[in-house]
Amino acid sequence: MWGVADILRKMSAGHGDSKVLTIMFNLGATLIPLIWLILDKSKKVNADMSAVAFNIIGGGLVGVGGVLLYSLLAKNSASITFGLVRTVTLITVLVLSVVFLSDKITLKAGAGLVLSLAGVYLLASR
């Protein structure tokens, strides 16, 4: 689903203001789980305040990233843009998970990171 969503984002990039496109994308991403939640009568709706705060902050960061992503997609190919974006995401998650979650980076994860960076370099250097 992520890959199809990425291609749809690229197809819309440059055909509207990046802020409006980000709102429309996130509206779709919000409506589906909202409808699912409304139709799911089997579960009690709950979330503690820290989870709510983390998700609101995370959603805000996704919004900023979405606006920047549409700006990049309007000027660059999907393969290069998403290759760079996903690699930056990988690096960010690896570093922040070590710092804030006490995760350990294994040799395999480190090797994967190096190979990902090499892949982005190959994609970006035509």
C-alpha atoms as a PDB file:
ATOM      1  CA  MET A   1       0.000   0.000   0.000  1.00  0.00           C
ATOM      2  CA  TRP A   2       2.850   2.414   0.802  1.00  0.00           C
ATOM      3  CA  GLY A   3       4.331   2.050  -2.676  1.00  0.00           C
ATOM      4  CA  VAL A   4       1.013   2.720  -4.400  1.00  0.00           C
ATOM      5  CA  ALA A   5       0.415   5.724  -2.128  1.00  0.00           C
ATOM      6  CA  ASP A   6       3.886   7.031  -3.020  1.00  0.00           C
ATOM      7  CA  ILE A   7       3.215   6.757  -6.758  1.00  0.00           C
ATOM      8  CA  LEU A   8      -0.125   8.547  -6.314  1.00  0.00           C
ATOM      9  CA  ARG A   9       1.677  11.314  -4.418  1.00  0.00           C
ATOM     10  CA  LYS A  10       4.172  11.695  -7.269  1.00  0.00           C
ATOM     11  CA  MET A  11       1.325  11.821  -9.816  1.00  0.00           C
ATOM     12  CA  SER A  12      -0.283  14.703  -7.912  1.00  0.00           C
ATOM     13  CA  ALA A  13       2.926  16.626  -7.135  1.00  0.00           C
ATOM     14  CA  GLY A  14       3.174  19.875  -9.048  1.00  0.00           C
ATOM     15  CA  HIS A  15      -0.603  19.955  -9.607  1.00  0.00           C
ATOM     16  CA  GLY A  16      -1.441  22.006  -6.543  1.00  0.00           C
ATOM     17  CA  ASP A  17      -0.016  23.725  -3.521  1.00  0.00           C
ATOM     18  CA  SER A  18       2.086  21.287  -1.484  1.00  0.00           C
ATOM     19  CA  LYS A  19       0.246  22.252   1.706  1.00  0.00           C
ATOM     20  CA  VAL A  20      -3.159  21.509   0.150  1.00  0.00           C
ATOM     21  CA  LEU A  21      -1.911  18.207  -1.289  1.00  0.00           C
ATOM     22  CA  THR A  22      -0.549  17.209   2.129  1.00  0.00           C
ATOM     23  CA  ILE A  23      -3.919  17.994   3.749  1.00  0.00           C
ATOM     24  CA  MET A  24      -5.772  15.915   1.134  1.00  0.00           C
ATOM     25  CA  PHE A  25      -3.369  12.974   1.575  1.00  0.00           C
ATOM     26  CA  ASN A  26      -3.671  13.087   5.356  1.00  0.00           C
ATOM     27  CA  LEU A  27      -7.446  13.479   5.138  1.00  0.00           C
ATOM     28  CA  GLY A  28      -7.573  10.157   3.297  1.00  0.00           C
ATOM     29  CA  ALA A  29      -5.210   8.630   5.853  1.00  0.00           C
ATOM     30  CA  THR A  30      -7.468   9.844   8.680  1.00  0.00           C
ATOM     31  CA  LEU A  31     -10.874   8.939   7.244  1.00  0.00           C
ATOM     32  CA  ILE A  32     -10.183   5.222   6.771  1.00  0.00           C
ATOM     33  CA  PRO A  33      -9.216   4.480  10.402  1.00  0.00           C
ATOM     34  CA  LEU A  34     -11.978   6.818  11.616  1.00  0.00           C
ATOM     35  CA  ILE A  35     -14.623   4.902   9.663  1.00  0.00           C
ATOM     36  CA  TRP A  36     -13.079   1.629  10.830  1.00  0.00           C
ATOM     37  CA  LEU A  37     -13.220   2.823  14.446  1.00  0.00           C
ATOM     38  CA  ILE A  38     -16.846   3.929  14.125  1.00  0.00           C
ATOM     39  CA  LEU A  39     -17.870   0.583  12.619  1.00  0.00           C
ATOM     40  CA  ASP A  40     -15.928  -1.484  15.169  1.00  0.00           C
ATOM     41  CA  LYS A  41     -18.396  -1.945  18.008  1.00  0.00           C
ATOM     42  CA  SER A  42     -16.309  -4.639  19.720  1.00  0.00           C
ATOM     43  CA  LYS A  43     -13.622  -2.443  21.255  1.00  0.00           C
ATOM     44  CA  LYS A  44     -13.610   0.298  23.837  1.00  0.00           C
ATOM     45  CA  VAL A  45     -11.953   3.465  22.550  1.00  0.00           C
ATOM     46  CA  ASN A  46      -9.097   4.519  24.799  1.00  0.00           C
ATOM     47  CA  ALA A  47      -5.610   6.029  24.792  1.00  0.00           C
ATOM     48  CA  ASP A  48      -3.593   7.512  27.626  1.00  0.00           C
ATOM     49  CA  MET A  49      -2.513  11.155  27.436  1.00  0.00           C
ATOM     50  CA  SER A  50       1.144  10.400  26.692  1.00  0.00           C
ATOM     51  CA  ALA A  51       0.109   8.279  23.691  1.00  0.00           C
ATOM     52  CA  VAL A  52      -2.179  11.074  22.514  1.00  0.00           C
ATOM     53  CA  ALA A  53       0.596  13.675  22.869  1.00  0.00           C
ATOM     54  CA  PHE A  54       3.194  11.508  21.108  1.00  0.00           C
ATOM     55  CA  ASN A  55       0.823  10.923  18.197  1.00  0.00           C
ATOM     56  CA  ILE A  56      -0.210  14.562  17.861  1.00  0.00           C
ATOM     57  CA  ILE A  57       3.447  15.624  17.789  1.00  0.00           C
ATOM     58  CA  GLY A  58       4.275  12.809  15.363  1.00  0.00           C
ATOM     59  CA  GLY A  59       1.349  13.787  13.157  1.00  0.00           C
ATOM     60  CA  GLY A  60       2.578  17.381  13.104  1.00  0.00           C
ATOM     61  CA  LEU A  61       6.010  16.200  11.991  1.00  0.00           C
ATOM     62  CA  VAL A  62       4.390  14.067   9.279  1.00  0.00           C
ATOM     63  CA  GLY A  63       2.522  17.177   8.117  1.00  0.00           C
ATOM     64  CA  VAL A  64       5.734  19.203   7.811  1.00  0.00           C
ATOM     65  CA  GLY A  65       7.419  16.270   6.069  1.00  0.00           C
ATOM     66  CA  GLY A  66       4.488  15.930   3.671  1.00  0.00           C
ATOM     67  CA  VAL A  67       4.712  19.560   2.555  1.00  0.00           C
ATOM     68  CA  LEU A  68       8.463  19.182   1.971  1.00  0.00           C
ATOM     69  CA  LEU A  69       7.931  15.848   0.204  1.00  0.00           C
ATOM     70  CA  TYR A  70       5.497  17.331  -2.335  1.00  0.00           C
ATOM     71  CA  SER A  71       7.980  20.130  -3.025  1.00  0.00           C
ATOM     72  CA  LEU A  72      10.703  17.548  -3.705  1.00  0.00           C
ATOM     73  CA  LEU A  73       8.422  15.355  -5.830  1.00  0.00           C
ATOM     74  CA  ALA A  74       7.424  18.309  -8.022  1.00  0.00           C
ATOM     75  CA  LYS A  75      11.089  18.725  -9.046  1.00  0.00           C
ATOM     76  CA  ASN A  76      12.586  15.208  -8.832  1.00  0.00           C
ATOM     77  CA  SER A  77      11.831  11.634  -9.826  1.00  0.00           C
ATOM     78  CA  ALA A  78       9.877   9.391  -7.470  1.00  0.00           C
ATOM     79  CA  SER A  79      12.664   6.808  -7.264  1.00  0.00           C
ATOM     80  CA  ILE A  80      15.280   9.307  -6.119  1.00  0.00           C
ATOM     81  CA  THR A  81      12.954  11.278  -3.849  1.00  0.00           C
ATOM     82  CA  PHE A  82      11.519   8.253  -2.045  1.00  0.00           C
ATOM     83  CA  GLY A  83      14.919   6.556  -1.929  1.00  0.00           C
ATOM     84  CA  LEU A  84      16.327   9.572  -0.113  1.00  0.00           C
ATOM     85  CA  VAL A  85      13.280  10.066   2.115  1.00  0.00           C
ATOM     86  CA  ARG A  86      13.109   6.426   3.192  1.00  0.00           C
ATOM     87  CA  THR A  87      16.849   6.299   3.884  1.00  0.00           C
ATOM     88  CA  VAL A  88      16.688   9.461   5.996  1.00  0.00           C
ATOM     89  CA  THR A  89      13.773   7.832   7.854  1.00  0.00           C
ATOM     90  CA  LEU A  90      15.865   4.702   8.444  1.00  0.00           C
ATOM     91  CA  ILE A  91      18.796   6.733   9.780  1.00  0.00           C
ATOM     92  CA  THR A  92      16.530   8.824  12.003  1.00  0.00           C
ATOM     93  CA  VAL A  93      14.789   5.781  13.475  1.00  0.00           C
ATOM     94  CA  LEU A  94      18.081   3.958  14.083  1.00  0.00           C
ATOM     95  CA  VAL A  95      19.682   6.920  15.846  1.00  0.00           C
ATOM     96  CA  LEU A  96      16.647   8.005  17.880  1.00  0.00           C
ATOM     97  CA  SER A  97      15.786   4.447  18.900  1.00  0.00           C
ATOM     98  CA  VAL A  98      19.300   4.076  20.325  1.00  0.00           C
ATOM     99  CA  VAL A  99      19.111   7.425  22.124  1.00  0.00           C
ATOM    100  CA  PHE A 100      15.537   7.318  23.446  1.00  0.00           C
ATOM    101  CA  LEU A 101      14.570   3.633  23.497  1.00  0.00           C
ATOM    102  CA  SER A 102      17.945   2.076  24.390  1.00  0.00           C
ATOM    103  CA  ASP A 103      17.849  -0.087  21.273  1.00  0.00           C
ATOM    104  CA  LYS A 104      21.072  -1.683  20.136  1.00  0.00           C
ATOM    105  CA  ILE A 105      22.274  -1.429  16.547  1.00  0.00           C
ATOM    106  CA  THR A 106      23.363  -4.882  15.471  1.00  0.00           C
ATOM    107  CA  LEU A 107      26.085  -5.561  12.952  1.00  0.00           C
ATOM    108  CA  LYS A 108      23.375  -6.657  10.513  1.00  0.00           C
ATOM    109  CA  ALA A 109      21.421  -3.379  10.988  1.00  0.00           C
ATOM    110  CA  GLY A 110      24.620  -1.352  10.579  1.00  0.00           C
ATOM    111  CA  ALA A 111      25.475  -3.239   7.388  1.00  0.00           C
ATOM    112  CA  GLY A 112      21.936  -2.651   6.106  1.00  0.00           C
ATOM    113  CA  LEU A 113      22.305   1.056   6.780  1.00  0.00           C
ATOM    114  CA  VAL A 114      25.589   1.203   4.872  1.00  0.00           C
ATOM    115  CA  LEU A 115      24.036  -0.676   1.932  1.00  0.00           C
ATOM    116  CA  SER A 116      21.021   1.671   1.992  1.00  0.00           C
ATOM    117  CA  LEU A 117      23.301   4.699   1.852  1.00  0.00           C
ATOM    118  CA  ALA A 118      25.199   3.109  -1.037  1.00  0.00           C
ATOM    119  CA  GLY A 119      21.889   2.517  -2.813  1.00  0.00           C
ATOM    120  CA  VAL A 120      20.822   6.136  -2.411  1.00  0.00           C
ATOM    121  CA  TYR A 121      24.203   7.250  -3.727  1.00  0.00           C
ATOM    122  CA  LEU A 122      23.745   5.022  -6.795  1.00  0.00           C
ATOM    123  CA  LEU A 123      20.214   6.311  -7.356  1.00  0.00           C
ATOM    124  CA  ALA A 124      21.188   9.963  -7.010  1.00  0.00           C
ATOM    125  CA  SER A 125      24.375   9.840  -9.112  1.00  0.00           C
ATOM    126  CA  ARG A 126      23.131   9.230 -12.626  1.00  0.00           C
END
